[in-house]
Structure formats: structure tokens, C-alpha cells
Amino acid sequence: MRYIRFGSSEQPVSVIGAGSMRIAGMDEQAADTFMKTAMDSGINFFDHADIYGGGKSEEVLGRFLAANPGIREKIFIQSKCGIRQGFFDFSEEYIVKSVEGILGRLQTDHLDSLLLHRPDALMEPEEVASAFDKLYKEGKVRNFGVSNMNPMQMELLKTKVTYPLVCNQVQMSVAHTPMLDAGFNVNMGIDAGINRDGSVLEYCRINDMVVQTWSPLQVGYFTGTFLNNENYSDLNRELAALADKYEVGADTIAYAWLLRYPARMQVITGTTSPDHLRSAAAAGDVVLSREEWYALYRAAGNRLP
């Protein structure tokens, strides 16, 4: 496993983060297996959101922490807020109230990281700044970041927010690469040349932000995985060949492809399977060559100019 610096934390965090969207409803035994498998595999980062399972995913982790004193200081917990039923809400009142609910469900006194979960067009940076200031000074949140934001949205936030935005969680996989495609096809009159995100990857690198990737095995927006997908036969052949070379699973290679990008990368998994967690963790020990990285990019159906 590889580890990276994350914001103000003195604790290095794993490049693989265990996403917790699907753990709502786990019983005590299943939660124990999930958490201990992750930790035994070197994963110390757990990603949540207040909307995951309507808060029940956080409750699962909270019960585990209550039953296992001493674990909390060994792990890094991130949660997100801002998505409500039918709208987004970055008001000071909602952010503060949401964090208080998150902490109660997690049965902890602080979050290591809080992300604003998708942009709110009605965002007022002054309100966000006031909420962050209150939460930080009360010791409830130690680091702040965003999710699915472009550079100008982050710049707007930074006109008032004085705390560093330490990460941006965005969708990316070897079969979902619009953030890369535009960079390869600058000034070309083709669809791949359309800059859809304002060069967000480059912005994160310039500002030393962690890039967290969600849906790392998905084709698009929850439309299914590319693994064993007949529409991605070339990609699966290339993944299988590299899996044989590195003696790991094809999914491990797909995660390693993301980690090869030279930002401070972190892959957020979506699995609850112990075997798949272990396979994801193995990606922290695989470093693909430049040739292998580009071969996978092309095999996913992309053309280089």
C-alpha cells in the first residue's frame, strides 16, 4: 500500500479509500468484516456522505467504532454534505446542522475531512466560510474539500473561504476520461477536444490538492462496469494481460491505472466484498509503466491525435 499526505493531517492516508455508500443495512458481523478487511489490507481512509443510505451508512461505521475502542485514532474519516431531496444546499445553517448529524451517527467528535457534495449554484461563499470557520474552531472538522467542482467554482469559494481546499472528488475511470481527453485534443474540432471541466486535473495539481476518483470501475454515471463488458473487449484483454504480468486481478490494474496519473491520487472504491477490497488494496503496490498506461487508455476506445 502507498500512502499520501492529506491536508493538515499528520497521519498518512492510503491511496485506496473504502467508499461506504453501499454499507447501509450491514449487520454487526458484516460491518466488522468490512472494516477489518480494509484495515488489514492497509486501507485507513473511509469515505462517507450524509445521503448514503439516508445516513445509515454512517450509523454502521458508528456502531463499529463504539464496539471497538481505540480504532478511531487509527483511521481517517471523510464525509460529505450539501445534497438534499431535489436541491443542493451550501447554506451555513445546513452545513453546520449536517455535520452535527454526521458526527452523531458516526459516534465520533470530529471528521478528518468534510467535502461539499456537488456544486450549489446558489452558493454564497461568505456562508460557507462562516460554517467552515465555526466547525474548525470547534474541533469538529480538520480539513475541507469539494466534490465534482470545476476550477472557477473552487476559485469562487476561495474568495471568502480561508481554509485550504485540500481535495476534489471527481468521477474518473479508464473508461470515463473526459478530464484527460480534452488535454490530448487541444484545439481540435472533435468531441474529445471539448473542455468540459475547466482543466480540473491540472488545477488540482497546481494547487497541490488530492484528486479522489469515484466510480473507478464504471463506464459512465452508474451505467455499469467495464469489467467483463462485451462493449469493452479490447480493454478487458489488455487488463487481463497486465493482470497476468503483475499477478493481480484485472480490477487491481484498473485501479492502478488511476493511481499512475502524477497528481496526489486516491481511488475511492464502491465495493462491500472482502475479496474485492483486498484486490483494490493491491493496486497500491502496482506502478504501471508509461507504455502500459497509454495502452489501456487506447484500449478503452480512445484515439491519440
Protein backbone atom coordinates (compact mmCIF):
# COMPACT_ATOMS: atom_id res chain seq x y z
CA MET A 1 0.00 0.00 0.00
CA ARG A 2 1.16 3.52 -0.73
CA TYR A 3 0.24 6.48 1.45
CA ILE A 4 -0.04 10.19 0.74
CA ARG A 5 -0.19 13.42 2.69
CA PHE A 6 -3.72 14.74 3.13
CA GLY A 7 -4.19 18.36 4.13
CA SER A 8 -3.13 19.18 7.67
CA SER A 9 -3.23 15.57 8.81
CA GLU A 10 0.00 14.18 10.25
CA GLN A 11 -1.38 10.71 9.55
CA PRO A 12 -0.54 9.49 6.02
CA VAL A 13 -3.62 8.17 4.25
CA SER A 14 -3.88 5.18 1.94
CA VAL A 15 -4.15 5.77 -1.80
CA ILE A 16 -7.12 3.41 -1.73
CA GLY A 17 -10.12 4.69 0.21
CA ALA A 18 -13.02 2.46 1.21
CA GLY A 19 -16.20 4.04 -0.13
CA SER A 20 -19.14 3.43 2.17
CA MET A 21 -22.14 4.25 0.00
CA ARG A 22 -23.31 0.63 -0.05
CA ILE A 23 -22.75 -0.43 3.56
CA ALA A 24 -26.11 0.80 4.86
CA GLY A 25 -28.00 -2.11 6.34
CA MET A 26 -24.93 -4.16 7.18
CA ASP A 27 -25.30 -6.17 10.36
CA GLU A 28 -22.62 -6.17 13.05
CA GLN A 29 -20.75 -9.17 11.65
CA ALA A 30 -20.70 -7.86 8.07
CA ALA A 31 -19.55 -4.40 9.21
CA ASP A 32 -16.82 -5.98 11.31
CA THR A 33 -15.61 -7.98 8.29
CA PHE A 34 -15.74 -4.93 6.00
CA MET A 35 -13.76 -2.70 8.36
CA LYS A 36 -11.21 -5.26 9.43
CA THR A 37 -10.59 -6.45 5.86
CA ALA A 38 -9.93 -2.88 4.79
CA MET A 39 -7.60 -2.16 7.69
CA ASP A 40 -5.76 -5.48 7.40
CA SER A 41 -5.18 -4.61 3.72
CA GLY A 42 -3.60 -1.27 4.62
CA ILE A 43 -6.67 0.90 3.94
CA ASN A 44 -7.09 3.55 6.63
CA PHE A 45 -9.33 6.01 4.72
CA PHE A 46 -13.14 5.70 4.84
CA ASP A 47 -15.36 7.88 2.68
CA HIS A 48 -18.95 8.67 3.66
CA ALA A 49 -21.72 11.16 2.88
CA ASP A 50 -24.80 12.16 4.82
CA ILE A 51 -27.03 10.94 1.98
CA TYR A 52 -25.55 7.44 1.78
CA GLY A 53 -28.36 5.19 2.89
CA GLY A 54 -30.10 8.24 4.31
CA GLY A 55 -27.40 8.38 6.99
CA LYS A 56 -27.49 4.66 7.73
CA SER A 57 -24.04 4.07 6.22
CA GLU A 58 -22.58 6.41 8.83
CA GLU A 59 -24.55 4.63 11.54
CA VAL A 60 -22.93 1.32 10.53
CA LEU A 61 -19.46 2.77 10.99
CA GLY A 62 -20.56 4.48 14.20
CA ARG A 63 -21.66 1.19 15.73
CA PHE A 64 -18.38 -0.43 14.72
CA LEU A 65 -16.36 2.37 16.33
CA ALA A 66 -18.41 2.19 19.52
CA ALA A 67 -17.81 -1.56 19.73
CA ASN A 68 -14.08 -1.24 19.03
CA PRO A 69 -12.50 1.41 21.26
CA GLY A 70 -9.11 2.56 20.01
CA ILE A 71 -9.89 2.15 16.30
CA ARG A 72 -10.93 5.77 15.71
CA GLU A 73 -7.44 7.23 16.03
CA LYS A 74 -6.11 4.67 13.54
CA ILE A 75 -8.43 5.64 10.67
CA PHE A 76 -9.22 8.74 8.63
CA ILE A 77 -12.92 9.50 8.18
CA GLN A 78 -14.30 11.76 5.47
CA SER A 79 -17.93 12.66 4.91
CA LYS A 80 -19.81 14.95 2.56
CA CYS A 81 -22.83 17.23 2.76
CA GLY A 82 -24.87 19.53 0.56
CA ILE A 83 -27.22 17.22 -1.36
CA ARG A 84 -30.84 17.43 -0.24
CA GLN A 85 -34.02 15.99 -1.72
CA GLY A 86 -34.37 17.77 -5.06
CA PHE A 87 -31.77 20.50 -4.50
CA PHE A 88 -28.31 21.39 -3.23
CA ASP A 89 -27.68 23.44 -0.10
CA PHE A 90 -24.43 25.12 0.92
CA SER A 91 -26.06 27.47 3.44
CA GLU A 92 -24.24 27.95 6.71
CA GLU A 93 -27.19 26.61 8.67
CA TYR A 94 -27.41 23.41 6.66
CA ILE A 95 -23.66 22.68 6.60
CA VAL A 96 -23.37 23.05 10.37
CA LYS A 97 -26.54 21.06 11.04
CA SER A 98 -25.44 18.34 8.64
CA VAL A 99 -22.04 17.94 10.30
CA GLU A 100 -23.64 17.69 13.73
CA GLY A 101 -25.84 14.87 12.40
CA ILE A 102 -22.88 13.15 10.76
CA LEU A 103 -20.86 13.21 13.98
CA GLY A 104 -23.78 11.83 15.94
CA ARG A 105 -24.30 8.93 13.53
CA LEU A 106 -20.57 8.17 13.40
CA GLN A 107 -20.31 8.38 17.18
CA THR A 108 -17.15 10.49 16.94
CA ASP A 109 -16.26 14.04 17.92
CA HIS A 110 -14.60 15.09 14.65
CA LEU A 111 -14.31 14.49 10.92
CA ASP A 112 -10.86 14.32 9.42
CA SER A 113 -12.28 15.74 6.19
CA LEU A 114 -15.55 17.34 5.06
CA LEU A 115 -16.41 17.75 1.38
CA LEU A 116 -19.09 19.90 -0.20
CA HIS A 117 -21.01 17.31 -2.20
CA ARG A 118 -21.67 18.70 -5.73
CA PRO A 119 -21.86 22.41 -6.57
CA ASP A 120 -24.71 24.58 -5.33
CA ALA A 121 -25.49 27.30 -7.90
CA LEU A 122 -26.95 29.43 -5.09
CA MET A 123 -23.78 29.11 -3.02
CA GLU A 124 -22.72 32.21 -1.13
CA PRO A 125 -19.02 31.88 -0.26
CA GLU A 126 -19.48 34.02 2.86
CA GLU A 127 -21.88 31.45 4.32
CA VAL A 128 -19.59 28.54 3.51
CA ALA A 129 -16.66 30.42 5.05
CA SER A 130 -18.61 31.09 8.22
CA ALA A 131 -19.68 27.44 8.51
CA PHE A 132 -16.13 26.18 7.96
CA ASP A 133 -14.75 28.64 10.50
CA LYS A 134 -17.25 27.53 13.13
CA LEU A 135 -16.68 23.83 12.52
CA TYR A 136 -12.90 24.15 12.52
CA LYS A 137 -12.70 26.27 15.66
CA GLU A 138 -14.99 23.86 17.50
CA GLY A 139 -12.71 20.98 16.50
CA LYS A 140 -15.45 19.22 14.56
CA VAL A 141 -13.74 19.26 11.13
CA ARG A 142 -9.99 19.23 10.48
CA ASN A 143 -9.83 19.54 6.68
CA PHE A 144 -12.16 20.81 3.96
CA GLY A 145 -12.58 19.94 0.32
CA VAL A 146 -15.07 19.70 -2.52
CA SER A 147 -16.63 17.15 -4.80
CA ASN A 148 -17.34 17.46 -8.53
CA MET A 149 -16.28 21.12 -8.76
CA ASN A 150 -14.53 22.88 -11.61
CA PRO A 151 -11.69 25.38 -11.10
CA MET A 152 -13.80 28.55 -11.24
CA GLN A 153 -16.26 27.18 -8.69
CA MET A 154 -13.33 26.49 -6.36
CA GLU A 155 -11.89 29.94 -7.04
CA LEU A 156 -15.26 31.49 -6.16
CA LEU A 157 -15.26 29.62 -2.85
CA LYS A 158 -11.72 30.78 -2.14
CA THR A 159 -12.73 34.45 -2.36
CA LYS A 160 -14.07 34.03 1.19
CA VAL A 161 -13.02 30.61 2.47
CA THR A 162 -9.62 30.92 4.16
CA TYR A 163 -9.05 27.22 4.88
CA PRO A 164 -7.27 25.30 2.12
CA LEU A 165 -9.44 23.14 -0.14
CA VAL A 166 -7.38 20.00 0.18
CA CYS A 167 -9.13 17.64 -2.25
CA ASN A 168 -11.65 17.34 -5.05
CA GLN A 169 -13.61 14.12 -5.54
CA VAL A 170 -14.44 13.59 -9.22
CA GLN A 171 -15.63 10.75 -11.43
CA MET A 172 -12.86 9.03 -13.33
CA SER A 173 -12.05 5.57 -14.66
CA VAL A 174 -10.14 4.16 -17.59
CA ALA A 175 -13.48 4.10 -19.45
CA HIS A 176 -14.57 7.57 -18.27
CA THR A 177 -11.84 10.04 -19.18
CA PRO A 178 -13.29 13.40 -20.34
CA MET A 179 -10.89 15.19 -17.97
CA LEU A 180 -7.99 13.68 -19.92
CA ASP A 181 -9.47 13.66 -23.41
CA ALA A 182 -9.63 17.43 -23.75
CA GLY A 183 -5.97 17.71 -22.81
CA PHE A 184 -4.94 15.34 -25.58
CA ASN A 185 -7.09 17.05 -28.19
CA VAL A 186 -6.44 20.74 -27.59
CA ASN A 187 -7.63 22.98 -30.43
CA MET A 188 -9.17 20.11 -32.38
CA GLY A 189 -12.70 20.31 -33.75
CA ILE A 190 -13.82 16.96 -32.38
CA ASP A 191 -15.96 15.96 -29.43
CA ALA A 192 -12.95 14.69 -27.45
CA GLY A 193 -11.45 18.18 -27.63
CA ILE A 194 -14.30 19.80 -25.70
CA ASN A 195 -13.09 21.03 -22.34
CA ARG A 196 -15.98 20.09 -20.07
CA ASP A 197 -14.42 20.79 -16.67
CA GLY A 198 -12.08 23.77 -16.98
CA SER A 199 -8.91 21.64 -16.75
CA VAL A 200 -9.74 20.47 -13.26
CA LEU A 201 -6.98 17.86 -13.05
CA GLU A 202 -4.31 20.42 -13.85
CA TYR A 203 -5.88 22.86 -11.39
CA CYS A 204 -5.73 20.28 -8.61
CA ARG A 205 -2.08 19.57 -9.38
CA ILE A 206 -1.16 23.25 -9.41
CA ASN A 207 -2.91 23.72 -6.05
CA ASP A 208 -1.49 20.52 -4.52
CA MET A 209 -4.95 19.04 -3.99
CA VAL A 210 -5.69 15.35 -3.63
CA VAL A 211 -7.68 14.03 -6.59
CA GLN A 212 -10.18 11.43 -5.35
CA THR A 213 -11.78 9.29 -8.05
CA TRP A 214 -15.26 7.84 -7.60
CA SER A 215 -16.87 5.07 -9.71
CA PRO A 216 -13.38 3.83 -10.67
CA LEU A 217 -14.77 0.75 -12.47
CA GLN A 218 -17.79 2.39 -14.08
CA VAL A 219 -18.35 3.27 -17.74
CA GLY A 220 -20.46 6.35 -17.06
CA TYR A 221 -22.85 7.75 -14.49
CA PHE A 222 -23.89 4.49 -12.77
CA THR A 223 -24.38 2.73 -16.11
CA GLY A 224 -22.37 -0.36 -15.22
CA THR A 225 -18.80 -1.59 -15.04
CA PHE A 226 -16.44 -2.09 -17.96
CA LEU A 227 -15.07 -5.28 -16.41
CA ASN A 228 -16.23 -8.30 -18.44
CA ASN A 229 -18.33 -5.93 -20.54
CA GLU A 230 -18.52 -7.12 -24.17
CA ASN A 231 -18.56 -3.50 -25.33
CA TYR A 232 -15.06 -3.13 -23.87
CA SER A 233 -13.48 -6.35 -25.12
CA ASP A 234 -10.19 -4.69 -26.14
CA LEU A 235 -9.87 -3.06 -22.74
CA ASN A 236 -10.59 -6.31 -20.93
CA ARG A 237 -7.97 -8.16 -22.97
CA GLU A 238 -5.39 -5.52 -22.09
CA LEU A 239 -6.40 -5.57 -18.42
CA ALA A 240 -6.15 -9.37 -18.37
CA ALA A 241 -2.68 -9.34 -19.95
CA LEU A 242 -1.38 -6.86 -17.39
CA ALA A 243 -3.12 -8.73 -14.57
CA ASP A 244 -1.18 -11.84 -15.58
CA LYS A 245 2.06 -9.88 -15.72
CA TYR A 246 1.64 -8.35 -12.26
CA GLU A 247 -0.08 -11.42 -10.80
CA VAL A 248 -3.13 -9.48 -9.63
CA GLY A 249 -6.76 -9.13 -10.67
CA ALA A 250 -7.97 -7.13 -13.66
CA ASP A 251 -9.74 -4.75 -11.26
CA THR A 252 -6.42 -4.14 -9.50
CA ILE A 253 -4.92 -3.00 -12.80
CA ALA A 254 -7.89 -0.67 -13.40
CA TYR A 255 -7.29 0.96 -10.02
CA ALA A 256 -3.53 1.11 -10.65
CA TRP A 257 -4.22 2.95 -13.92
CA LEU A 258 -5.85 5.76 -11.95
CA LEU A 259 -3.06 5.86 -9.40
CA ARG A 260 -0.45 6.19 -12.16
CA TYR A 261 -1.63 9.72 -13.00
CA PRO A 262 1.02 12.04 -11.47
CA ALA A 263 -1.22 14.00 -9.12
CA ARG A 264 -1.77 13.07 -5.48
CA MET A 265 -4.29 10.42 -6.47
CA GLN A 266 -6.70 8.50 -4.28
CA VAL A 267 -9.16 5.87 -5.51
CA ILE A 268 -12.49 5.60 -3.67
CA THR A 269 -13.90 2.09 -4.03
CA GLY A 270 -17.57 1.19 -4.01
CA THR A 271 -17.37 -2.46 -3.06
CA THR A 272 -18.51 -4.25 0.09
CA SER A 273 -16.89 -7.56 -0.91
CA PRO A 274 -13.86 -8.51 1.23
CA ASP A 275 -12.16 -10.11 -1.80
CA HIS A 276 -12.71 -7.02 -3.91
CA LEU A 277 -11.41 -4.79 -1.12
CA ARG A 278 -8.22 -6.83 -0.96
CA SER A 279 -7.90 -6.66 -4.74
CA ALA A 280 -8.30 -2.88 -4.64
CA ALA A 281 -5.71 -2.56 -1.90
CA ALA A 282 -3.21 -4.47 -4.04
CA ALA A 283 -3.26 -1.60 -6.54
CA GLY A 284 -1.28 0.43 -4.04
CA ASP A 285 1.70 -1.78 -4.84
CA VAL A 286 1.40 -1.72 -8.64
CA VAL A 287 3.04 1.03 -10.68
CA LEU A 288 2.26 0.82 -14.38
CA SER A 289 4.76 1.95 -16.98
CA ARG A 290 4.01 4.86 -19.28
CA GLU A 291 3.55 2.43 -22.18
CA GLU A 292 1.12 0.29 -20.18
CA TRP A 293 -0.88 3.32 -19.07
CA TYR A 294 -1.32 4.58 -22.64
CA ALA A 295 -2.10 1.09 -23.92
CA LEU A 296 -5.03 0.89 -21.51
CA TYR A 297 -6.22 4.36 -22.47
CA ARG A 298 -6.26 3.38 -26.16
CA ALA A 299 -7.84 0.01 -25.45
CA ALA A 300 -10.77 1.80 -23.81
CA GLY A 301 -11.62 3.22 -27.24
CA ASN A 302 -9.65 6.46 -27.15
CA ARG A 303 -7.56 7.78 -30.03
CA LEU A 304 -4.46 9.86 -29.62
CA PRO A 305 -4.01 12.69 -32.13
